[in-house]
Protein backbone atom coordinates (compact mmCIF):
# COMPACT_ATOMS: atom_id res chain seq x y z
CA MET A 1 -9.70 -25.56 -13.69
CA LYS A 2 -6.97 -27.72 -15.15
CA LEU A 3 -4.03 -25.52 -16.67
CA TYR A 4 -1.34 -26.46 -18.75
CA LEU A 5 1.53 -24.05 -19.30
CA LEU A 6 3.87 -24.83 -22.33
CA ARG A 7 6.86 -22.70 -23.34
CA HIS A 8 7.24 -21.92 -27.27
CA GLY A 9 9.96 -23.59 -29.25
CA LYS A 10 13.32 -22.10 -29.67
CA THR A 11 14.13 -18.78 -31.54
CA GLU A 12 17.07 -17.01 -32.86
CA ALA A 13 16.80 -14.63 -30.33
CA ASN A 14 16.94 -17.39 -27.69
CA LYS A 15 19.92 -18.79 -29.20
CA GLN A 16 21.75 -15.35 -29.25
CA ARG A 17 20.85 -14.68 -25.40
CA LEU A 18 18.93 -11.57 -26.39
CA TYR A 19 16.31 -9.93 -24.64
CA CYS A 20 13.09 -10.57 -26.61
CA GLY A 21 9.73 -9.94 -25.40
CA GLN A 22 7.52 -8.11 -27.90
CA THR A 23 9.26 -8.66 -30.79
CA ASP A 24 7.32 -10.89 -33.06
CA ILE A 25 9.89 -13.34 -34.17
CA GLY A 26 9.25 -17.02 -35.21
CA LEU A 27 11.06 -19.92 -34.53
CA CYS A 28 14.32 -20.97 -35.78
CA ARG A 29 14.90 -24.02 -37.60
CA GLU A 30 16.76 -25.58 -34.80
CA GLY A 31 13.42 -24.80 -32.52
CA ARG A 32 11.18 -26.34 -34.96
CA GLU A 33 13.16 -29.26 -35.21
CA GLU A 34 13.43 -29.74 -31.60
CA LEU A 35 9.60 -29.49 -31.05
CA LEU A 36 8.98 -32.18 -33.81
CA LYS A 37 11.63 -34.62 -32.09
CA GLN A 38 9.81 -34.04 -28.67
CA LYS A 39 6.39 -34.92 -30.19
CA GLU A 40 8.09 -38.28 -30.80
CA THR A 41 8.75 -39.00 -27.26
CA ILE A 42 6.51 -36.75 -25.45
CA VAL A 43 2.57 -37.46 -24.97
CA TYR A 44 1.48 -33.59 -25.16
CA PRO A 45 -1.64 -32.88 -23.26
CA LYS A 46 -4.82 -32.42 -24.82
CA ALA A 47 -7.13 -29.74 -23.43
CA ASP A 48 -10.71 -28.13 -23.84
CA ILE A 49 -9.21 -24.95 -24.90
CA TYR A 50 -5.96 -23.78 -26.47
CA ILE A 51 -4.34 -20.56 -25.71
CA VAL A 52 -1.56 -18.50 -27.66
CA THR A 53 0.00 -15.30 -26.92
CA GLY A 54 -0.67 -13.79 -30.47
CA LEU A 55 2.97 -13.87 -31.05
CA LYS A 56 4.51 -16.01 -33.73
CA ARG A 57 6.67 -18.16 -31.65
CA THR A 58 3.68 -19.41 -29.36
CA ARG A 59 1.23 -19.90 -32.78
CA GLU A 60 3.97 -21.79 -34.66
CA THR A 61 4.58 -24.08 -31.68
CA LEU A 62 0.80 -24.81 -31.35
CA GLU A 63 1.14 -25.39 -35.00
CA ILE A 64 3.45 -27.89 -35.01
CA LEU A 65 2.54 -29.62 -31.63
CA TYR A 66 -1.45 -29.31 -32.33
CA LYS A 67 -1.72 -28.67 -36.04
CA ASP A 68 -4.94 -26.96 -36.65
CA GLN A 69 -6.36 -26.59 -33.33
CA PRO A 70 -8.74 -23.54 -32.70
CA CYS A 71 -7.18 -21.26 -30.18
CA VAL A 72 -7.82 -18.23 -28.37
CA CYS A 73 -5.26 -15.32 -28.34
CA MET A 74 -4.40 -13.83 -25.02
CA THR A 75 -2.20 -11.01 -24.95
CA GLU A 76 -2.14 -10.45 -21.50
CA TRP A 77 0.21 -13.57 -21.14
CA ASN A 78 2.94 -12.13 -23.36
CA GLU A 79 6.58 -12.01 -22.41
CA MET A 80 7.61 -8.95 -20.39
CA ASN A 81 8.06 -5.76 -22.61
CA PHE A 82 11.69 -4.70 -22.59
CA GLY A 83 11.20 -1.71 -24.69
CA SER A 84 14.64 -0.23 -26.05
CA PHE A 85 16.41 -3.44 -24.87
CA GLU A 86 14.58 -5.61 -26.98
CA MET A 87 16.84 -7.92 -29.54
CA LYS A 88 19.79 -6.74 -27.56
CA SER A 89 22.48 -8.81 -25.12
CA TYR A 90 23.79 -8.38 -22.07
CA GLU A 91 26.91 -7.57 -23.42
CA GLU A 92 25.50 -4.94 -25.43
CA LEU A 93 23.75 -3.16 -22.79
CA ARG A 94 25.66 -3.49 -19.56
CA ASP A 95 27.54 -0.18 -19.70
CA ARG A 96 24.48 1.76 -20.49
CA ALA A 97 23.13 4.12 -17.66
CA ALA A 98 19.67 2.94 -18.29
CA TYR A 99 20.36 -0.79 -18.10
CA GLN A 100 22.33 -0.46 -14.85
CA ASN A 101 19.17 1.87 -13.57
CA TRP A 102 16.84 -0.85 -14.70
CA ILE A 103 18.79 -4.06 -13.08
CA GLN A 104 19.11 -2.24 -9.88
CA ASN A 105 15.29 -2.44 -9.16
CA ILE A 106 13.57 -4.37 -11.85
CA GLU A 107 10.70 -4.81 -9.69
CA LYS A 108 9.83 -0.89 -9.84
CA ASN A 109 12.00 0.57 -12.75
CA PRO A 110 10.25 -0.16 -16.36
CA CYS A 111 12.82 -0.73 -19.31
CA PRO A 112 12.98 2.26 -21.34
CA MET A 113 9.73 2.34 -23.39
CA GLY A 114 8.76 -0.76 -21.77
CA GLU A 115 7.62 -2.23 -18.40
CA SER A 116 8.73 -2.99 -14.92
CA GLN A 117 8.54 -6.56 -13.33
CA ARG A 118 5.62 -4.94 -11.41
CA GLN A 119 3.76 -4.14 -14.62
CA PHE A 120 4.62 -7.76 -16.19
CA LYS A 121 3.33 -9.67 -13.03
CA ASP A 122 -0.04 -7.39 -12.94
CA ARG A 123 -0.65 -7.77 -16.53
CA ILE A 124 -0.14 -11.82 -16.11
CA GLN A 125 -2.22 -12.00 -13.02
CA THR A 126 -5.15 -10.10 -15.40
CA GLY A 127 -5.19 -12.82 -17.67
CA LEU A 128 -5.13 -15.33 -14.80
CA LYS A 129 -8.24 -13.90 -13.16
CA GLN A 130 -9.95 -13.26 -16.53
CA LEU A 131 -9.35 -17.63 -16.74
CA GLU A 132 -10.34 -18.39 -13.31
CA GLU A 133 -13.55 -16.19 -13.76
CA LEU A 134 -14.45 -18.02 -16.97
CA PHE A 135 -14.29 -21.17 -15.27
CA ARG A 136 -15.13 -20.54 -11.88
CA GLU A 137 -18.20 -22.76 -12.28
CA GLU A 138 -16.65 -25.45 -14.50
CA ASN A 139 -13.58 -26.89 -12.31
CA ASP A 140 -13.15 -29.85 -14.68
CA ARG A 141 -12.35 -27.83 -17.62
CA SER A 142 -8.68 -27.67 -18.95
CA VAL A 143 -7.09 -24.61 -20.60
CA LEU A 144 -3.61 -25.41 -22.31
CA ALA A 145 -1.58 -21.86 -22.84
CA ILE A 146 1.55 -21.97 -25.29
CA THR A 147 3.23 -18.64 -23.45
CA HIS A 148 6.62 -17.47 -22.61
CA GLY A 149 9.47 -18.59 -20.07
CA GLY A 150 8.92 -15.68 -17.97
CA VAL A 151 5.04 -15.63 -17.87
CA ILE A 152 5.29 -19.34 -16.61
CA SER A 153 7.70 -18.54 -13.99
CA GLU A 154 5.38 -15.53 -12.85
CA ILE A 155 2.49 -17.89 -12.78
CA MET A 156 4.36 -20.89 -11.05
CA GLU A 157 5.88 -18.29 -8.28
CA LYS A 158 2.25 -17.08 -8.07
CA PHE A 159 0.96 -20.82 -7.15
CA PHE A 160 3.83 -22.07 -5.34
CA PRO A 161 5.42 -19.09 -3.71
CA ASN A 162 9.16 -19.67 -2.10
CA GLN A 163 9.38 -23.10 -3.89
CA LYS A 164 11.87 -21.81 -6.42
CA ASN A 165 12.98 -18.82 -7.80
CA PHE A 166 12.16 -17.42 -10.99
CA TYR A 167 14.51 -18.73 -13.08
CA GLU A 168 14.36 -22.24 -11.45
CA TRP A 169 10.73 -22.37 -12.34
CA GLN A 170 11.45 -21.56 -16.47
CA PRO A 171 11.07 -24.62 -18.35
CA SER A 172 13.08 -25.47 -21.43
CA PHE A 173 11.50 -25.05 -24.77
CA GLY A 174 8.25 -27.09 -25.70
CA ARG A 175 8.06 -28.11 -21.98
CA GLY A 176 6.11 -26.94 -19.16
CA TYR A 177 3.96 -27.73 -16.33
CA PHE A 178 0.43 -28.99 -15.74
CA VAL A 179 -1.24 -27.00 -12.81
CA ASP A 180 -4.46 -28.64 -11.33
CA ILE A 181 -6.47 -25.01 -9.88
CA ASN A 182 -9.14 -26.50 -7.68
CA ASP A 183 -9.59 -26.79 -4.02
CA THR A 184 -5.83 -27.61 -3.44
CA VAL A 185 -3.35 -26.41 -5.96
CA ASN A 186 -0.73 -28.97 -7.32
CA TYR A 187 1.63 -29.23 -10.19
CA THR A 188 3.48 -31.94 -12.61
CA ILE A 189 6.10 -31.32 -15.06
CA ILE A 190 5.38 -31.92 -18.57
């Protein structure tokens, strides 16, 4: 299987550095303009199947980059559920006991009314297994997923452990990776 992973365009929450996982917000004006400008210089890949997470920011990115391309919704690749931390900044949260508890062990401690890093990883892996099962017999098929920075980082860490840390894998808006998942796994930057 050939897997293209693209990060959605910029949102107001990204600009303000807010925790935004499951909150369904669209792209900001600047995000739309950046994607249109990138589209002039980047040859975005075509695929057999296009996937979005169902959140506005991924659907709007697909619309800008690929017009009326039909797509499949995969909610397993939604960004992490930050629960009661959604749409808040580090500055707003840093002195709260619940936030301190969460950041002391993000892997195991869920955000209040949200999920832990472990739960997030498991959800992403479920989506990846579904794709691998679907294309087990068709190695030449290509899938392009417009998803979220955290999701892309988790997938890249799974395929390329110990090469980069989570934050180093996170692509800029409208960018991502091509991962060739066949006998050997390789990647290139989009």
